[in-house]
């Protein structure tokens, strides 16, 4: 299932808004407008193509003149953490490793 999501950046159930674009059965696309988080009210609209669905979202929902709206697209990418490979082990690292080993010995 192809999916795109936008939300208004608000966590409170009273003001949170989410918009989903999903690939539905039969080549149709659905736009789901949700108020109040996962348990909130929702409305669904159907479209013939993804381009039509995303175009409607961009023009009717995201094109709000209010700069405080804070709409942003949610990406499905995992956050990238800095790599520790190639980093020299410092004294605190080796002490931590020794402490963890001692704690495991005492627990076992």
C-alpha atoms as a PDB file:
ATOM      1  CA  UNK A   1       0.000   0.000   0.000  1.00  0.00           C
ATOM      2  CA  UNK A   2       1.434   3.345  -1.042  1.00  0.00           C
ATOM      3  CA  UNK A   3       0.900   6.033   1.523  1.00  0.00           C
ATOM      4  CA  UNK A   4       1.803   9.644   2.215  1.00  0.00           C
ATOM      5  CA  UNK A   5       0.986  11.525   5.388  1.00  0.00           C
ATOM      6  CA  UNK A   6       0.949  15.133   6.569  1.00  0.00           C
ATOM      7  CA  UNK A   7       0.179  16.488  10.028  1.00  0.00           C
ATOM      8  CA  UNK A   8      -0.135  19.961  11.489  1.00  0.00           C
ATOM      9  CA  UNK A   9       2.628  19.527  14.087  1.00  0.00           C
ATOM     10  CA  UNK A  10       0.306  19.658  17.080  1.00  0.00           C
ATOM     11  CA  UNK A  11       0.190  16.890  19.688  1.00  0.00           C
ATOM     12  CA  UNK A  12      -2.951  17.910  21.540  1.00  0.00           C
ATOM     13  CA  UNK A  13      -5.976  15.800  20.678  1.00  0.00           C
ATOM     14  CA  UNK A  14      -8.138  18.912  20.379  1.00  0.00           C
ATOM     15  CA  UNK A  15      -6.098  20.577  17.618  1.00  0.00           C
ATOM     16  CA  UNK A  16      -4.227  17.723  15.918  1.00  0.00           C
ATOM     17  CA  UNK A  17      -4.963  17.176  12.222  1.00  0.00           C
ATOM     18  CA  UNK A  18      -3.628  14.370   9.987  1.00  0.00           C
ATOM     19  CA  UNK A  19      -3.996  13.821   6.243  1.00  0.00           C
ATOM     20  CA  UNK A  20      -3.289  10.465   4.573  1.00  0.00           C
ATOM     21  CA  UNK A  21      -3.163   9.633   0.866  1.00  0.00           C
ATOM     22  CA  UNK A  22      -3.572   5.899   0.268  1.00  0.00           C
ATOM     23  CA  UNK A  23      -3.719   3.564  -2.691  1.00  0.00           C
ATOM     24  CA  UNK A  24      -7.144   1.918  -2.452  1.00  0.00           C
ATOM     25  CA  UNK A  25      -8.549  -1.097  -4.302  1.00  0.00           C
ATOM     26  CA  UNK A  26      -9.251  -0.916  -8.007  1.00  0.00           C
ATOM     27  CA  UNK A  27      -6.631   1.730  -8.774  1.00  0.00           C
ATOM     28  CA  UNK A  28      -8.481   4.364  -6.768  1.00  0.00           C
ATOM     29  CA  UNK A  29      -6.768   6.691  -4.300  1.00  0.00           C
ATOM     30  CA  UNK A  30      -8.214   7.870  -1.007  1.00  0.00           C
ATOM     31  CA  UNK A  31      -7.558  10.965   1.045  1.00  0.00           C
ATOM     32  CA  UNK A  32      -8.319  10.532   4.730  1.00  0.00           C
ATOM     33  CA  UNK A  33      -8.732  13.688   6.806  1.00  0.00           C
ATOM     34  CA  UNK A  34      -8.467  12.971  10.527  1.00  0.00           C
ATOM     35  CA  UNK A  35      -9.152  15.313  13.464  1.00  0.00           C
ATOM     36  CA  UNK A  36      -8.024  14.534  16.990  1.00  0.00           C
ATOM     37  CA  UNK A  37      -5.363  11.880  16.490  1.00  0.00           C
ATOM     38  CA  UNK A  38      -5.835   8.129  15.966  1.00  0.00           C
ATOM     39  CA  UNK A  39      -9.170   7.980  17.769  1.00  0.00           C
ATOM     40  CA  UNK A  40     -10.562  11.153  16.265  1.00  0.00           C
ATOM     41  CA  UNK A  41     -13.177  11.822  13.605  1.00  0.00           C
ATOM     42  CA  UNK A  42     -12.321  11.173   9.984  1.00  0.00           C
ATOM     43  CA  UNK A  43     -13.593  11.896   6.492  1.00  0.00           C
ATOM     44  CA  UNK A  44     -12.571  10.072   3.309  1.00  0.00           C
ATOM     45  CA  UNK A  45     -12.553  11.303  -0.302  1.00  0.00           C
ATOM     46  CA  UNK A  46     -11.790   9.145  -3.353  1.00  0.00           C
ATOM     47  CA  UNK A  47      -9.793  10.110  -6.440  1.00  0.00           C
ATOM     48  CA  UNK A  48      -8.881   8.465  -9.752  1.00  0.00           C
ATOM     49  CA  UNK A  49      -5.111   8.959  -9.415  1.00  0.00           C
ATOM     50  CA  UNK A  50      -2.426   9.722  -6.873  1.00  0.00           C
ATOM     51  CA  UNK A  51      -1.696  12.991  -8.648  1.00  0.00           C
ATOM     52  CA  UNK A  52      -5.327  14.107  -8.260  1.00  0.00           C
ATOM     53  CA  UNK A  53      -5.384  13.112  -4.587  1.00  0.00           C
ATOM     54  CA  UNK A  54      -2.102  14.847  -3.713  1.00  0.00           C
ATOM     55  CA  UNK A  55      -3.102  17.878  -5.792  1.00  0.00           C
ATOM     56  CA  UNK A  56      -6.341  18.209  -3.839  1.00  0.00           C
ATOM     57  CA  UNK A  57      -4.484  17.891  -0.513  1.00  0.00           C
ATOM     58  CA  UNK A  58      -1.970  20.549  -1.529  1.00  0.00           C
ATOM     59  CA  UNK A  59      -4.612  22.978  -2.750  1.00  0.00           C
ATOM     60  CA  UNK A  60      -7.401  22.425  -0.227  1.00  0.00           C
ATOM     61  CA  UNK A  61      -5.602  21.489   2.972  1.00  0.00           C
ATOM     62  CA  UNK A  62      -1.939  22.506   2.889  1.00  0.00           C
ATOM     63  CA  UNK A  63      -2.457  25.829   1.122  1.00  0.00           C
ATOM     64  CA  UNK A  64      -3.802  27.372   4.312  1.00  0.00           C
ATOM     65  CA  UNK A  65      -2.952  31.074   4.509  1.00  0.00           C
ATOM     66  CA  UNK A  66      -2.244  30.718   8.224  1.00  0.00           C
ATOM     67  CA  UNK A  67       1.548  30.560   8.745  1.00  0.00           C
ATOM     68  CA  UNK A  68       0.927  29.046  12.187  1.00  0.00           C
ATOM     69  CA  UNK A  69      -0.687  25.959  10.609  1.00  0.00           C
ATOM     70  CA  UNK A  70       2.667  24.146  10.606  1.00  0.00           C
ATOM     71  CA  UNK A  71       1.792  21.436   8.072  1.00  0.00           C
ATOM     72  CA  UNK A  72       4.632  19.013   7.364  1.00  0.00           C
ATOM     73  CA  UNK A  73       4.938  15.742   5.526  1.00  0.00           C
ATOM     74  CA  UNK A  74       5.761  12.704   7.630  1.00  0.00           C
ATOM     75  CA  UNK A  75       8.449  10.526   6.089  1.00  0.00           C
ATOM     76  CA  UNK A  76       8.863   6.823   6.746  1.00  0.00           C
ATOM     77  CA  UNK A  77      12.623   7.088   7.079  1.00  0.00           C
ATOM     78  CA  UNK A  78      14.394   5.877  10.193  1.00  0.00           C
ATOM     79  CA  UNK A  79      16.481   8.558  11.865  1.00  0.00           C
ATOM     80  CA  UNK A  80      20.157   8.214  11.119  1.00  0.00           C
ATOM     81  CA  UNK A  81      22.421   8.020  14.100  1.00  0.00           C
ATOM     82  CA  UNK A  82      26.062   9.022  13.905  1.00  0.00           C
ATOM     83  CA  UNK A  83      28.369   6.105  13.291  1.00  0.00           C
ATOM     84  CA  UNK A  84      30.724   5.030  16.067  1.00  0.00           C
ATOM     85  CA  UNK A  85      32.869   2.877  13.799  1.00  0.00           C
ATOM     86  CA  UNK A  86      36.416   4.033  13.560  1.00  0.00           C
ATOM     87  CA  UNK A  87      36.095   5.992  16.769  1.00  0.00           C
ATOM     88  CA  UNK A  88      38.809   5.377  19.333  1.00  0.00           C
ATOM     89  CA  UNK A  89      37.585   3.940  22.589  1.00  0.00           C
ATOM     90  CA  UNK A  90      38.097   6.382  25.426  1.00  0.00           C
ATOM     91  CA  UNK A  91      38.613   5.698  29.111  1.00  0.00           C
ATOM     92  CA  UNK A  92      34.935   6.160  29.917  1.00  0.00           C
ATOM     93  CA  UNK A  93      33.994   3.598  27.239  1.00  0.00           C
ATOM     94  CA  UNK A  94      36.333   0.955  28.625  1.00  0.00           C
ATOM     95  CA  UNK A  95      35.187   1.644  32.215  1.00  0.00           C
ATOM     96  CA  UNK A  96      31.558   1.321  31.170  1.00  0.00           C
ATOM     97  CA  UNK A  97      32.301  -1.965  29.421  1.00  0.00           C
ATOM     98  CA  UNK A  98      34.079  -3.295  32.547  1.00  0.00           C
ATOM     99  CA  UNK A  99      31.174  -2.238  34.793  1.00  0.00           C
ATOM    100  CA  UNK A 100      28.614  -3.943  32.548  1.00  0.00           C
ATOM    101  CA  UNK A 101      30.735  -7.128  32.552  1.00  0.00           C
ATOM    102  CA  UNK A 102      30.980  -7.069  36.384  1.00  0.00           C
ATOM    103  CA  UNK A 103      27.227  -6.521  36.734  1.00  0.00           C
ATOM    104  CA  UNK A 104      26.525  -9.455  34.401  1.00  0.00           C
ATOM    105  CA  UNK A 105      28.893 -11.711  36.379  1.00  0.00           C
ATOM    106  CA  UNK A 106      27.195 -10.765  39.648  1.00  0.00           C
ATOM    107  CA  UNK A 107      23.707 -11.299  38.200  1.00  0.00           C
ATOM    108  CA  UNK A 108      24.559 -14.716  36.700  1.00  0.00           C
END
